[in-house]
Protein backbone atom coordinates (compact mmCIF):
# COMPACT_ATOMS: atom_id res chain seq x y z
CA MET A 1 132.33 112.68 116.50
CA SER A 2 131.32 112.65 112.75
CA LYS A 3 130.49 108.70 113.56
CA VAL A 4 127.99 109.92 116.31
CA ILE A 5 126.63 112.19 114.63
CA VAL A 6 125.98 109.86 111.47
CA ASN A 7 124.65 106.92 113.97
CA TYR A 8 122.23 109.36 115.70
CA CYS A 9 120.72 110.53 112.41
CA ILE A 10 120.64 106.86 111.26
CA GLY A 11 118.82 106.03 114.69
CA ALA A 12 115.96 108.22 114.13
CA TYR A 13 114.56 105.41 112.15
CA GLU A 14 113.78 103.45 115.24
CA ARG A 15 114.00 106.51 118.19
CA LYS A 16 110.75 106.87 119.95
CA ARG A 17 110.72 110.85 120.94
CA LYS A 18 109.44 111.86 123.88
CA ARG A 19 106.78 114.03 124.26
CA SER A 20 107.18 117.92 125.02
CA VAL A 21 105.38 118.43 128.91
CA MET A 22 103.75 121.66 128.95
CA THR A 23 102.28 123.06 131.87
CA LYS A 24 99.52 125.75 132.27
CA GLY A 25 98.16 126.36 135.67
CA PRO A 26 98.31 123.65 138.58
CA VAL A 27 97.28 121.01 136.31
CA SER A 28 100.06 119.52 133.84
CA THR A 29 99.63 118.59 130.72
CA GLN A 30 101.35 114.95 131.35
CA ALA A 31 99.19 114.10 134.07
CA ASN A 32 96.30 114.42 131.96
CA ALA A 33 97.77 112.42 129.44
CA GLN A 34 97.90 109.94 131.81
CA GLN A 35 94.76 110.00 133.25
CA ASN A 36 93.97 109.49 129.08
CA GLY A 37 95.61 106.42 128.85
CA LEU A 38 98.05 108.31 126.23
CA PRO A 39 101.46 107.11 126.10
CA LYS A 40 104.27 108.76 127.53
CA GLU A 41 106.37 108.38 124.06
CA GLU A 42 105.45 108.73 120.77
CA ARG A 43 105.94 105.88 118.44
CA SER A 44 108.76 105.64 116.11
CA ILE A 45 109.07 106.27 112.37
CA ARG A 46 109.14 102.57 111.84
CA GLN A 47 105.94 101.92 114.23
CA ILE A 48 104.20 104.86 112.62
CA PHE A 49 104.43 103.43 109.21
CA SER A 50 103.92 99.90 110.23
CA ASP A 51 100.42 100.56 112.44
CA SER A 52 99.08 102.82 109.60
CA ILE A 53 99.37 100.08 106.98
CA ASN A 54 98.07 97.38 109.39
CA GLU A 55 94.93 99.81 110.34
CA ILE A 56 94.53 100.47 106.55
CA GLY A 57 94.77 96.20 106.15
CA ARG A 58 92.08 95.88 108.70
CA LYS A 59 89.76 98.38 107.58
CA GLU A 60 90.34 97.01 104.09
CA SER A 61 89.06 93.60 105.67
CA SER A 62 85.91 94.98 106.85
CA LEU A 63 85.03 97.18 103.82
CA PHE A 64 85.47 94.05 101.98
CA ASN A 65 83.11 91.92 103.80
CA GLN A 66 80.52 94.51 103.41
CA ALA A 67 81.01 94.65 99.62
CA TYR A 68 80.65 91.58 99.45
CA GLY A 69 77.41 90.91 101.34
CA HIS A 70 75.69 93.35 99.59
CA HIS A 71 76.93 91.83 96.47
CA HIS A 72 75.96 88.44 97.43
CA LEU A 73 72.28 89.90 98.45
CA SER A 74 72.11 91.93 95.31
CA SER A 75 72.06 88.65 93.51
CA ASN A 76 69.90 86.67 95.69
CA ARG A 77 66.75 89.39 95.44
CA GLU A 78 64.66 87.15 97.09
CA ASP A 79 66.18 86.75 100.53
CA ARG A 80 64.24 87.91 102.91
CA LYS A 81 66.53 89.60 104.87
CA ASN A 82 67.08 91.81 101.68
CA LYS A 83 63.34 91.60 101.06
CA GLY A 84 62.37 95.08 102.75
CA LYS A 85 65.33 96.88 101.79
CA SER A 86 64.77 99.22 99.51
CA THR A 87 67.25 100.48 96.17
CA GLU A 88 67.69 103.72 97.47
CA GLN A 89 69.43 102.63 100.64
CA THR A 90 71.42 99.90 98.99
CA MET A 91 72.72 102.60 96.66
CA GLY A 92 73.17 104.74 99.56
CA HIS A 93 75.42 102.15 101.45
CA LEU A 94 77.59 101.32 98.64
CA SER A 95 78.32 104.96 97.79
CA SER A 96 79.35 105.00 101.37
CA THR A 97 81.55 102.18 101.03
CA LEU A 98 83.25 103.23 97.62
CA GLY A 99 83.98 106.69 99.34
CA LYS A 100 85.56 105.10 102.21
CA VAL A 101 87.42 102.51 100.04
CA ALA A 102 88.41 105.46 98.08
CA ARG A 103 90.06 107.12 101.13
CA GLN A 104 92.01 103.66 101.88
CA LEU A 105 93.46 103.66 98.66
CA CYS A 106 94.58 107.28 98.62
CA ASP A 107 96.12 106.49 102.20
CA ILE A 108 98.08 103.73 101.41
CA LYS A 109 99.20 105.57 98.02
CA ASP A 110 100.59 108.22 100.16
CA ILE A 111 102.23 105.65 102.78
CA ARG A 112 103.91 104.08 99.66
CA ASP A 113 105.03 107.66 98.63
CA GLU A 114 106.68 108.42 102.02
CA LEU A 115 108.12 105.22 102.15
CA ASN A 116 110.24 106.11 98.62
CA ILE A 117 111.06 108.76 100.23
CA LEU A 118 112.64 107.10 103.50
CA LYS A 119 114.15 104.45 101.09
CA THR A 120 116.15 107.40 99.10
CA VAL A 121 117.17 108.80 102.65
CA ALA A 122 118.49 105.72 103.80
CA THR A 123 120.40 105.09 100.80
CA PHE A 124 122.21 108.14 101.01
CA GLN A 125 122.86 107.49 104.80
CA ARG A 126 124.15 103.76 103.77
CA LYS A 127 126.96 105.70 101.23
CA VAL A 128 128.11 107.65 103.88
CA GLN A 129 128.38 104.81 106.65
CA TYR A 130 130.37 102.38 104.25
CA GLN A 131 132.25 105.37 103.59
CA MET A 132 133.22 106.10 107.47
CA ALA A 133 133.37 102.33 107.91
CA GLY A 134 136.10 102.32 105.13
CA PRO A 135 137.14 98.53 104.17
CA SER A 136 136.39 96.93 107.26
CA ALA A 137 132.31 97.19 106.43
CA ASN A 138 131.06 93.50 105.81
CA GLY A 139 127.41 94.37 105.03
CA ASP A 140 126.29 94.22 108.70
CA LEU A 141 125.16 97.87 109.05
CA GLU A 142 122.48 99.74 110.58
CA THR A 143 121.39 101.32 107.41
CA ASP A 144 121.38 97.60 105.68
CA TYR A 145 118.89 96.47 108.02
CA ILE A 146 116.80 99.49 107.57
CA LEU A 147 116.70 99.44 103.77
CA SER A 148 115.63 96.22 104.11
CA ASP A 149 113.07 96.96 106.87
CA ILE A 150 111.48 99.59 104.45
CA ARG A 151 111.99 97.12 101.43
CA GLU A 152 109.90 94.60 103.44
CA MET A 153 107.05 97.60 104.33
CA ASP A 154 107.06 98.48 101.22
CA ARG A 155 105.99 95.24 100.07
CA PHE A 156 103.39 94.37 102.65
CA ALA A 157 101.86 98.29 101.79
CA GLU A 158 102.19 97.19 97.74
CA GLN A 159 99.98 94.11 98.88
CA THR A 160 97.59 96.08 100.67
CA GLN A 161 96.98 98.26 98.11
CA GLU A 162 96.26 95.59 95.74
CA ALA A 163 93.52 94.33 98.33
CA VAL A 164 92.21 97.72 98.45
CA LYS A 165 92.10 98.02 94.62
CA THR A 166 90.35 94.86 94.34
CA THR A 167 87.95 95.99 97.07
CA LEU A 168 87.29 98.99 95.06
CA THR A 169 86.58 97.14 91.68
CA LEU A 170 84.13 95.04 93.74
CA VAL A 171 82.06 97.70 95.08
CA GLU A 172 81.95 99.64 91.61
CA SER A 173 80.76 96.24 89.72
CA ASP A 174 78.09 95.74 92.55
CA ILE A 175 76.95 99.88 91.90
CA ALA A 176 76.85 98.96 88.24
CA ASN A 177 74.89 95.77 88.69
CA LEU A 178 72.38 97.21 90.86
CA GLN A 179 72.28 100.02 88.31
CA GLY A 180 71.49 97.80 85.36
CA MET A 181 68.76 96.21 87.44
CA GLU A 182 67.36 99.11 87.77
CA ALA A 183 67.55 100.00 84.13
CA VAL A 184 65.99 96.54 83.33
CA LYS A 185 63.19 97.24 85.81
CA GLN A 186 62.04 100.68 84.14
CA GLY A 187 62.64 99.50 80.95
CA LYS A 188 59.93 96.56 81.58
CA ILE A 189 57.99 99.68 83.17
CA VAL A 190 58.05 101.44 79.70
CA LEU A 191 57.26 98.42 77.94
CA ILE A 192 54.13 97.38 79.68
CA PHE A 193 53.14 101.25 79.47
CA THR A 194 53.69 101.26 75.48
CA LEU A 195 51.67 98.12 75.10
CA VAL A 196 48.55 99.35 77.36
CA THR A 197 48.92 102.76 74.99
CA VAL A 198 48.70 100.56 71.75
CA TRP A 199 45.98 98.67 73.00
CA PHE A 200 43.57 101.20 74.57
CA LEU A 201 44.27 103.87 71.53
CA PRO A 202 42.55 101.81 68.59
CA LEU A 203 39.61 101.44 71.60
CA SER A 204 39.60 105.41 72.28
CA PHE A 205 39.13 105.89 68.71
CA LEU A 206 36.14 103.32 68.31
CA THR A 207 34.56 104.80 71.13
CA SER A 208 34.88 108.04 69.84
CA LEU A 209 32.82 107.29 66.95
CA PHE A 210 29.97 106.32 69.32
CA ALA A 211 29.67 110.01 70.02
CA LEU A 212 29.38 111.06 66.47
CA ASP A 213 25.96 111.80 65.03
CA VAL A 214 25.21 109.30 62.52
CA ALA A 215 21.95 110.99 61.33
CA SER A 216 24.16 113.80 59.93
CA PHE A 217 26.24 111.21 58.05
CA LEU A 218 23.26 109.50 56.03
CA THR A 219 22.09 112.83 54.73
CA ALA A 220 25.58 113.93 54.08
CA PRO A 221 26.75 113.93 50.03
CA ALA A 222 28.79 110.72 48.67
CA TRP A 223 31.80 113.16 48.08
CA SER A 224 32.32 114.64 51.54
CA LEU A 225 32.67 110.97 53.01
CA TYR A 226 35.23 110.32 50.47
CA VAL A 227 37.11 113.20 51.38
CA ILE A 228 37.15 112.20 55.53
CA CYS A 229 38.20 108.85 54.06
CA LYS A 230 40.78 110.26 51.86
């Protein structure tokens, strides 16, 4: 009996749980689920983690292509396709992509944390199963396979996490490059404004002299001109 209980607990890793059917009125929930194309059984723990990691990998690939495309367009501003796009639109798209990549990084981190929890549980189950098997255990127990599978998924999740980090770094560098180009553009505008100001300020001073009453200067005493110049 104890072996049956242990094997049942260990088998929960790959066991599919049946959906609970709740009937309300003449139409059952199971019929609605079949009409909507929902599966009759839920996925196992292994399938849930495997599908989640694969989904994050697909999203990361799509986001990487988007980020790389904008990085290429930002480095080639004379491209016709990017000619009519404003800086605000590009920055908004990159900020949206950055938020999506950050969420993917949080999701893959949570998955790795949960895989570590499963690894700890499987390690304890392996000890129990080896104790129950006794000397006849030859390293071919179900828990050995489960631990190996969890480690393999964790390695794949680690690769996905590194890919997400690379995409995150690319998007952040793209935003920094765009902000740098805007800073250079604004610096040029300020420089032009300063040069125009320096050029027209003496001219405005000279034009103001023409509005003065020259006759009053001719009749003024010499010491007054000395005071003004001083």
